[in-house]
Amino acid sequence: MNFTVTARISAQRFSHHYNSMLDALEQGLSLQASGLADVRIVDGNGHARTPAAIYQLLFGAKDTVAPTGGETAVLALAA
């Protein structure tokens, strides 16, 4: 799938094309860190997301199940 990273600085808009989502994410995060504005990653279907949203989709925290009955989980350590 193709990905396009777009960003703006002042009145100029930049656009970079990538074949890998991870490459596009790396470039998007780099552009944000460099101070460019309106950084977006657009996939081949036209869905635009911020680098932070893509990062969350790929590496975000998974839902966890809390112990039932208000119990606290305890891990026994070997001596």
PDB file of N, CA and C in Angstrom:
ATOM      1  N   MET A   1       0.852  -1.170   0.000  1.00  0.00           N
ATOM      2  CA  MET A   1       0.000   0.000   0.000  1.00  0.00           C
ATOM      3  C   MET A   1       0.898   1.235   0.000  1.00  0.00           C
ATOM      4  N   ASN A   2       0.452   2.286  -0.612  1.00  0.00           N
ATOM      5  CA  ASN A   2       1.193   3.545  -0.656  1.00  0.00           C
ATOM      6  C   ASN A   2       0.719   4.483   0.440  1.00  0.00           C
ATOM      7  N   PHE A   3       1.658   5.258   0.957  1.00  0.00           N
ATOM      8  CA  PHE A   3       1.366   6.236   1.995  1.00  0.00           C
ATOM      9  C   PHE A   3       1.988   7.560   1.598  1.00  0.00           C
ATOM     10  N   THR A   4       1.260   8.636   1.842  1.00  0.00           N
ATOM     11  CA  THR A   4       1.750   9.975   1.561  1.00  0.00           C
ATOM     12  C   THR A   4       1.800  10.749   2.863  1.00  0.00           C
ATOM     13  N   VAL A   5       2.959  11.330   3.145  1.00  0.00           N
ATOM     14  CA  VAL A   5       3.127  12.165   4.328  1.00  0.00           C
ATOM     15  C   VAL A   5       3.093  13.613   3.865  1.00  0.00           C
ATOM     16  N   THR A   6       2.177  14.393   4.426  1.00  0.00           N
ATOM     17  CA  THR A   6       2.085  15.808   4.087  1.00  0.00           C
ATOM     18  C   THR A   6       2.353  16.632   5.338  1.00  0.00           C
ATOM     19  N   ALA A   7       2.922  17.814   5.124  1.00  0.00           N
ATOM     20  CA  ALA A   7       3.214  18.724   6.233  1.00  0.00           C
ATOM     21  C   ALA A   7       3.263  20.139   5.682  1.00  0.00           C
ATOM     22  N   ARG A   8       3.147  21.099   6.599  1.00  0.00           N
ATOM     23  CA  ARG A   8       3.137  22.505   6.199  1.00  0.00           C
ATOM     24  C   ARG A   8       4.098  23.285   7.084  1.00  0.00           C
ATOM     25  N   ILE A   9       4.782  24.235   6.450  1.00  0.00           N
ATOM     26  CA  ILE A   9       5.582  25.214   7.176  1.00  0.00           C
ATOM     27  C   ILE A   9       5.315  26.553   6.504  1.00  0.00           C
ATOM     28  N   SER A  10       4.823  27.482   7.273  1.00  0.00           N
ATOM     29  CA  SER A  10       4.362  28.780   6.749  1.00  0.00           C
ATOM     30  C   SER A  10       3.337  28.521   5.656  1.00  0.00           C
ATOM     31  N   ALA A  11       3.574  29.034   4.454  1.00  0.00           N
ATOM     32  CA  ALA A  11       2.611  28.859   3.361  1.00  0.00           C
ATOM     33  C   ALA A  11       2.989  27.696   2.451  1.00  0.00           C
ATOM     34  N   GLN A  12       4.084  27.008   2.739  1.00  0.00           N
ATOM     35  CA  GLN A  12       4.535  25.908   1.886  1.00  0.00           C
ATOM     36  C   GLN A  12       4.034  24.570   2.409  1.00  0.00           C
ATOM     37  N   ARG A  13       3.611  23.719   1.492  1.00  0.00           N
ATOM     38  CA  ARG A  13       3.173  22.367   1.853  1.00  0.00           C
ATOM     39  C   ARG A  13       4.120  21.369   1.193  1.00  0.00           C
ATOM     40  N   PHE A  14       4.537  20.376   1.979  1.00  0.00           N
ATOM     41  CA  PHE A  14       5.443  19.346   1.500  1.00  0.00           C
ATOM     42  C   PHE A  14       4.714  18.015   1.440  1.00  0.00           C
ATOM     43  N   SER A  15       5.154  17.151   0.535  1.00  0.00           N
ATOM     44  CA  SER A  15       4.535  15.851   0.366  1.00  0.00           C
ATOM     45  C   SER A  15       5.619  14.824   0.040  1.00  0.00           C
ATOM     46  N   HIS A  16       5.604  13.690   0.744  1.00  0.00           N
ATOM     47  CA  HIS A  16       6.561  12.606   0.517  1.00  0.00           C
ATOM     48  C   HIS A  16       5.776  11.309   0.369  1.00  0.00           C
ATOM     49  N   HIS A  17       6.202  10.443  -0.549  1.00  0.00           N
ATOM     50  CA  HIS A  17       5.509   9.178  -0.798  1.00  0.00           C
ATOM     51  C   HIS A  17       6.348   8.006  -0.292  1.00  0.00           C
ATOM     52  N   TYR A  18       5.676   7.021   0.323  1.00  0.00           N
ATOM     53  CA  TYR A  18       6.345   5.849   0.883  1.00  0.00           C
ATOM     54  C   TYR A  18       5.547   4.594   0.577  1.00  0.00           C
ATOM     55  N   ASN A  19       6.240   3.461   0.496  1.00  0.00           N
ATOM     56  CA  ASN A  19       5.583   2.168   0.300  1.00  0.00           C
ATOM     57  C   ASN A  19       5.336   1.454   1.619  1.00  0.00           C
ATOM     58  N   SER A  20       5.962   1.920   2.682  1.00  0.00           N
ATOM     59  CA  SER A  20       5.858   1.281   3.990  1.00  0.00           C
ATOM     60  C   SER A  20       5.215   2.223   5.000  1.00  0.00           C
ATOM     61  N   MET A  21       4.282   1.689   5.803  1.00  0.00           N
ATOM     62  CA  MET A  21       3.647   2.495   6.837  1.00  0.00           C
ATOM     63  C   MET A  21       4.675   2.927   7.882  1.00  0.00           C
ATOM     64  N   LEU A  22       5.602   2.040   8.223  1.00  0.00           N
ATOM     65  CA  LEU A  22       6.610   2.389   9.224  1.00  0.00           C
ATOM     66  C   LEU A  22       7.533   3.501   8.731  1.00  0.00           C
ATOM     67  N   ASP A  23       7.904   3.474   7.448  1.00  0.00           N
ATOM     68  CA  ASP A  23       8.721   4.555   6.891  1.00  0.00           C
ATOM     69  C   ASP A  23       7.952   5.871   6.912  1.00  0.00           C
ATOM     70  N   ALA A  24       6.670   5.817   6.568  1.00  0.00           N
ATOM     71  CA  ALA A  24       5.835   7.022   6.591  1.00  0.00           C
ATOM     72  C   ALA A  24       5.691   7.545   8.014  1.00  0.00           C
ATOM     73  N   LEU A  25       5.508   6.644   8.967  1.00  0.00           N
ATOM     74  CA  LEU A  25       5.389   7.046  10.366  1.00  0.00           C
ATOM     75  C   LEU A  25       6.675   7.699  10.851  1.00  0.00           C
ATOM     76  N   GLU A  26       7.810   7.103  10.532  1.00  0.00           N
ATOM     77  CA  GLU A  26       9.102   7.666  10.936  1.00  0.00           C
ATOM     78  C   GLU A  26       9.275   9.077  10.373  1.00  0.00           C
ATOM     79  N   GLN A  27       8.945   9.261   9.101  1.00  0.00           N
ATOM     80  CA  GLN A  27       9.066  10.582   8.484  1.00  0.00           C
ATOM     81  C   GLN A  27       8.087  11.568   9.107  1.00  0.00           C
ATOM     82  N   GLY A  28       6.861  11.132   9.350  1.00  0.00           N
ATOM     83  CA  GLY A  28       5.867  12.012   9.957  1.00  0.00           C
ATOM     84  C   GLY A  28       6.280  12.483  11.338  1.00  0.00           C
ATOM     85  N   LEU A  29       6.779  11.565  12.160  1.00  0.00           N
ATOM     86  CA  LEU A  29       7.244  11.938  13.497  1.00  0.00           C
ATOM     87  C   LEU A  29       8.440  12.876  13.420  1.00  0.00           C
ATOM     88  N   SER A  30       9.327  12.633  12.463  1.00  0.00           N
ATOM     89  CA  SER A  30      10.497  13.495  12.279  1.00  0.00           C
ATOM     90  C   SER A  30      10.085  14.904  11.865  1.00  0.00           C
ATOM     91  N   LEU A  31       9.119  15.004  10.973  1.00  0.00           N
ATOM     92  CA  LEU A  31       8.646  16.322  10.536  1.00  0.00           C
ATOM     93  C   LEU A  31       7.988  17.073  11.687  1.00  0.00           C
ATOM     94  N   GLN A  32       7.215  16.366  12.505  1.00  0.00           N
ATOM     95  CA  GLN A  32       6.602  17.005  13.671  1.00  0.00           C
ATOM     96  C   GLN A  32       7.669  17.502  14.637  1.00  0.00           C
ATOM     97  N   ALA A  33       8.680  16.680  14.882  1.00  0.00           N
ATOM     98  CA  ALA A  33       9.755  17.064  15.798  1.00  0.00           C
ATOM     99  C   ALA A  33      10.543  18.251  15.262  1.00  0.00           C
ATOM    100  N   SER A  34      10.560  18.411  13.943  1.00  0.00           N
ATOM    101  CA  SER A  34      11.266  19.531  13.315  1.00  0.00           C
ATOM    102  C   SER A  34      10.455  20.814  13.335  1.00  0.00           C
ATOM    103  N   GLY A  35       9.211  20.736  13.802  1.00  0.00           N
ATOM    104  CA  GLY A  35       8.391  21.930  13.936  1.00  0.00           C
ATOM    105  C   GLY A  35       7.416  22.189  12.807  1.00  0.00           C
ATOM    106  N   LEU A  36       7.294  21.267  11.849  1.00  0.00           N
ATOM    107  CA  LEU A  36       6.320  21.458  10.786  1.00  0.00           C
ATOM    108  C   LEU A  36       4.913  21.252  11.335  1.00  0.00           C
ATOM    109  N   ALA A  37       3.944  21.881  10.698  1.00  0.00           N
ATOM    110  CA  ALA A  37       2.556  21.844  11.167  1.00  0.00           C
ATOM    111  C   ALA A  37       1.703  20.973  10.253  1.00  0.00           C
ATOM    112  N   ASP A  38       0.534  20.615  10.745  1.00  0.00           N
ATOM    113  CA  ASP A  38      -0.460  19.855   9.972  1.00  0.00           C
ATOM    114  C   ASP A  38       0.140  18.610   9.320  1.00  0.00           C
ATOM    115  N   VAL A  39       0.929  17.866  10.076  1.00  0.00           N
ATOM    116  CA  VAL A  39       1.535  16.641   9.551  1.00  0.00           C
ATOM    117  C   VAL A  39       0.468  15.553   9.522  1.00  0.00           C
ATOM    118  N   ARG A  40       0.277  14.948   8.366  1.00  0.00           N
ATOM    119  CA  ARG A  40      -0.721  13.896   8.187  1.00  0.00           C
ATOM    120  C   ARG A  40      -0.121  12.771   7.361  1.00  0.00           C
ATOM    121  N   ILE A  41      -0.588  11.561   7.637  1.00  0.00           N
ATOM    122  CA  ILE A  41      -0.223  10.396   6.843  1.00  0.00           C
ATOM    123  C   ILE A  41      -1.503   9.905   6.189  1.00  0.00           C
ATOM    124  N   VAL A  42      -1.494   9.860   4.865  1.00  0.00           N
ATOM    125  CA  VAL A  42      -2.675   9.471   4.093  1.00  0.00           C
ATOM    126  C   VAL A  42      -2.394   8.120   3.447  1.00  0.00           C
ATOM    127  N   ASP A  43      -3.282   7.147   3.686  1.00  0.00           N
ATOM    128  CA  ASP A  43      -3.080   5.828   3.088  1.00  0.00           C
ATOM    129  C   ASP A  43      -3.667   5.778   1.681  1.00  0.00           C
ATOM    130  N   GLY A  44      -3.513   4.645   1.026  1.00  0.00           N
ATOM    131  CA  GLY A  44      -3.976   4.481  -0.345  1.00  0.00           C
ATOM    132  C   GLY A  44      -5.477   4.610  -0.513  1.00  0.00           C
ATOM    133  N   ASN A  45      -6.238   4.465   0.587  1.00  0.00           N
ATOM    134  CA  ASN A  45      -7.695   4.608   0.541  1.00  0.00           C
ATOM    135  C   ASN A  45      -8.158   6.026   0.821  1.00  0.00           C
ATOM    136  N   GLY A  46      -7.202   6.929   1.072  1.00  0.00           N
ATOM    137  CA  GLY A  46      -7.552   8.320   1.327  1.00  0.00           C
ATOM    138  C   GLY A  46      -7.793   8.667   2.781  1.00  0.00           C
ATOM    139  N   HIS A  47      -7.588   7.722   3.701  1.00  0.00           N
ATOM    140  CA  HIS A  47      -7.761   8.000   5.131  1.00  0.00           C
ATOM    141  C   HIS A  47      -6.541   8.753   5.655  1.00  0.00           C
ATOM    142  N   ALA A  48      -6.762   9.926   6.221  1.00  0.00           N
ATOM    143  CA  ALA A  48      -5.673  10.751   6.757  1.00  0.00           C
ATOM    144  C   ALA A  48      -5.669  10.666   8.278  1.00  0.00           C
ATOM    145  N   ARG A  49      -4.477  10.451   8.834  1.00  0.00           N
ATOM    146  CA  ARG A  49      -4.313  10.390  10.290  1.00  0.00           C
ATOM    147  C   ARG A  49      -3.033  11.114  10.676  1.00  0.00           C
ATOM    148  N   THR A  50      -2.978  11.556  11.917  1.00  0.00           N
ATOM    149  CA  THR A  50      -1.756  12.166  12.427  1.00  0.00           C
ATOM    150  C   THR A  50      -0.753  11.050  12.722  1.00  0.00           C
ATOM    151  N   PRO A  51       0.543  11.393  12.772  1.00  0.00           N
ATOM    152  CA  PRO A  51       1.524  10.377  13.155  1.00  0.00           C
ATOM    153  C   PRO A  51       1.226   9.778  14.533  1.00  0.00           C
ATOM    154  N   ALA A  52       0.743  10.595  15.463  1.00  0.00           N
ATOM    155  CA  ALA A  52       0.418  10.094  16.803  1.00  0.00           C
ATOM    156  C   ALA A  52      -0.703   9.055  16.744  1.00  0.00           C
ATOM    157  N   ALA A  53      -1.701   9.279  15.900  1.00  0.00           N
ATOM    158  CA  ALA A  53      -2.809   8.330  15.765  1.00  0.00           C
ATOM    159  C   ALA A  53      -2.327   7.012  15.158  1.00  0.00           C
ATOM    160  N   ILE A  54      -1.455   7.086  14.164  1.00  0.00           N
ATOM    161  CA  ILE A  54      -0.894   5.875  13.552  1.00  0.00           C
ATOM    162  C   ILE A  54      -0.057   5.113  14.581  1.00  0.00           C
ATOM    163  N   TYR A  55       0.758   5.847  15.330  1.00  0.00           N
ATOM    164  CA  TYR A  55       1.588   5.226  16.365  1.00  0.00           C
ATOM    165  C   TYR A  55       0.714   4.501  17.381  1.00  0.00           C
ATOM    166  N   GLN A  56      -0.367   5.146  17.798  1.00  0.00           N
ATOM    167  CA  GLN A  56      -1.290   4.539  18.769  1.00  0.00           C
ATOM    168  C   GLN A  56      -1.924   3.277  18.196  1.00  0.00           C
ATOM    169  N   LEU A  57      -2.301   3.312  16.915  1.00  0.00           N
ATOM    170  CA  LEU A  57      -2.886   2.127  16.283  1.00  0.00           C
ATOM    171  C   LEU A  57      -1.897   0.966  16.239  1.00  0.00           C
ATOM    172  N   LEU A  58      -0.634   1.274  15.945  1.00  0.00           N
ATOM    173  CA  LEU A  58       0.371   0.228  15.804  1.00  0.00           C
ATOM    174  C   LEU A  58       0.932  -0.264  17.131  1.00  0.00           C
ATOM    175  N   PHE A  59       1.211   0.664  18.046  1.00  0.00           N
ATOM    176  CA  PHE A  59       1.957   0.313  19.251  1.00  0.00           C
ATOM    177  C   PHE A  59       1.243   0.651  20.549  1.00  0.00           C
ATOM    178  N   GLY A  60      -0.007   1.088  20.478  1.00  0.00           N
ATOM    179  CA  GLY A  60      -0.734   1.519  21.668  1.00  0.00           C
ATOM    180  C   GLY A  60      -0.946   0.394  22.661  1.00  0.00           C
ATOM    181  N   ALA A  61      -1.299   0.781  23.869  1.00  0.00           N
ATOM    182  CA  ALA A  61      -1.525  -0.182  24.944  1.00  0.00           C
ATOM    183  C   ALA A  61      -2.726  -1.061  24.619  1.00  0.00           C
ATOM    184  N   LYS A  62      -2.603  -2.310  24.932  1.00  0.00           N
ATOM    185  CA  LYS A  62      -3.700  -3.258  24.744  1.00  0.00           C
ATOM    186  C   LYS A  62      -4.603  -3.217  25.968  1.00  0.00           C
ATOM    187  N   ASP A  63      -5.876  -3.569  25.774  1.00  0.00           N
ATOM    188  CA  ASP A  63      -6.799  -3.657  26.903  1.00  0.00           C
ATOM    189  C   ASP A  63      -6.356  -4.803  27.808  1.00  0.00           C
ATOM    190  N   THR A  64      -6.418  -4.573  29.103  1.00  0.00           N
ATOM    191  CA  THR A  64      -6.067  -5.614  30.061  1.00  0.00           C
ATOM    192  C   THR A  64      -7.278  -5.928  30.914  1.00  0.00           C
ATOM    193  N   VAL A  65      -7.322  -7.111  31.455  1.00  0.00           N
ATOM    194  CA  VAL A  65      -8.427  -7.535  32.303  1.00  0.00           C
ATOM    195  C   VAL A  65      -7.976  -7.426  33.748  1.00  0.00           C
ATOM    196  N   ALA A  66      -8.741  -6.698  34.553  1.00  0.00           N
ATOM    197  CA  ALA A  66      -8.423  -6.541  35.973  1.00  0.00           C
ATOM    198  C   ALA A  66      -8.851  -7.786  36.731  1.00  0.00           C
ATOM    199  N   PRO A  67      -8.159  -8.121  37.823  1.00  0.00           N
ATOM    200  CA  PRO A  67      -8.585  -9.259  38.654  1.00  0.00           C
ATOM    201  C   PRO A  67     -10.004  -9.036  39.162  1.00  0.00           C
ATOM    202  N   THR A  68     -10.780 -10.117  39.276  1.00  0.00           N
ATOM    203  CA  THR A  68     -12.166  -9.999  39.731  1.00  0.00           C
ATOM    204  C   THR A  68     -12.238  -9.895  41.243  1.00  0.00           C
ATOM    205  N   GLY A  69     -13.327  -9.347  41.750  1.00  0.00           N
ATOM    206  CA  GLY A  69     -13.560  -9.278  43.180  1.00  0.00           C
ATOM    207  C   GLY A  69     -12.688  -8.280  43.904  1.00  0.00           C
ATOM    208  N   GLY A  70     -12.109  -7.333  43.198  1.00  0.00           N
ATOM    209  CA  GLY A  70     -11.292  -6.321  43.840  1.00  0.00           C
ATOM    210  C   GLY A  70      -9.975  -6.853  44.373  1.00  0.00           C
ATOM    211  N   GLU A  71      -9.606  -8.067  43.959  1.00  0.00           N
ATOM    212  CA  GLU A  71      -8.359  -8.657  44.427  1.00  0.00           C
ATOM    213  C   GLU A  71      -7.169  -8.034  43.714  1.00  0.00           C
ATOM    214  N   THR A  72      -6.056  -8.033  44.379  1.00  0.00           N
ATOM    215  CA  THR A  72      -4.821  -7.561  43.779  1.00  0.00           C
ATOM    216  C   THR A  72      -4.005  -8.774  43.372  1.00  0.00           C
ATOM    217  N   ALA A  73      -3.533  -8.780  42.147  1.00  0.00           N
ATOM    218  CA  ALA A  73      -2.717  -9.895  41.684  1.00  0.00           C
ATOM    219  C   ALA A  73      -1.357  -9.843  42.367  1.00  0.00           C
ATOM    220  N   VAL A  74      -0.884 -11.017  42.830  1.00  0.00           N
ATOM    221  CA  VAL A  74       0.401 -11.107  43.518  1.00  0.00           C
ATOM    222  C   VAL A  74       1.264 -12.107  42.777  1.00  0.00           C
ATOM    223  N   LEU A  75       2.508 -11.742  42.542  1.00  0.00           N
ATOM    224  CA  LEU A  75       3.458 -12.619  41.883  1.00  0.00           C
ATOM    225  C   LEU A  75       4.453 -13.100  42.927  1.00  0.00           C
ATOM    226  N   ALA A  76       4.519 -14.411  43.141  1.00  0.00           N
ATOM    227  CA  ALA A  76       5.454 -14.967  44.122  1.00  0.00           C
ATOM    228  C   ALA A  76       6.849 -14.980  43.520  1.00  0.00           C
ATOM    229  N   LEU A  77       7.816 -14.510  44.280  1.00  0.00           N
ATOM    230  CA  LEU A  77       9.198 -14.480  43.832  1.00  0.00           C
ATOM    231  C   LEU A  77       9.977 -15.601  44.502  1.00  0.00           C
ATOM    232  N   ALA A  78      10.842 -16.241  43.755  1.00  0.00           N
ATOM    233  CA  ALA A  78      11.679 -17.302  44.321  1.00  0.00           C
ATOM    234  C   ALA A  78      12.792 -16.678  45.145  1.00  0.00           C
ATOM    235  N   ALA A  79      13.151 -17.351  46.249  1.00  0.00           N
ATOM    236  CA  ALA A  79      14.203 -16.827  47.131  1.00  0.00           C
ATOM    237  C   ALA A  79      15.567 -17.190  46.627  1.00  0.00           C
TER     238      ALA A  79
END
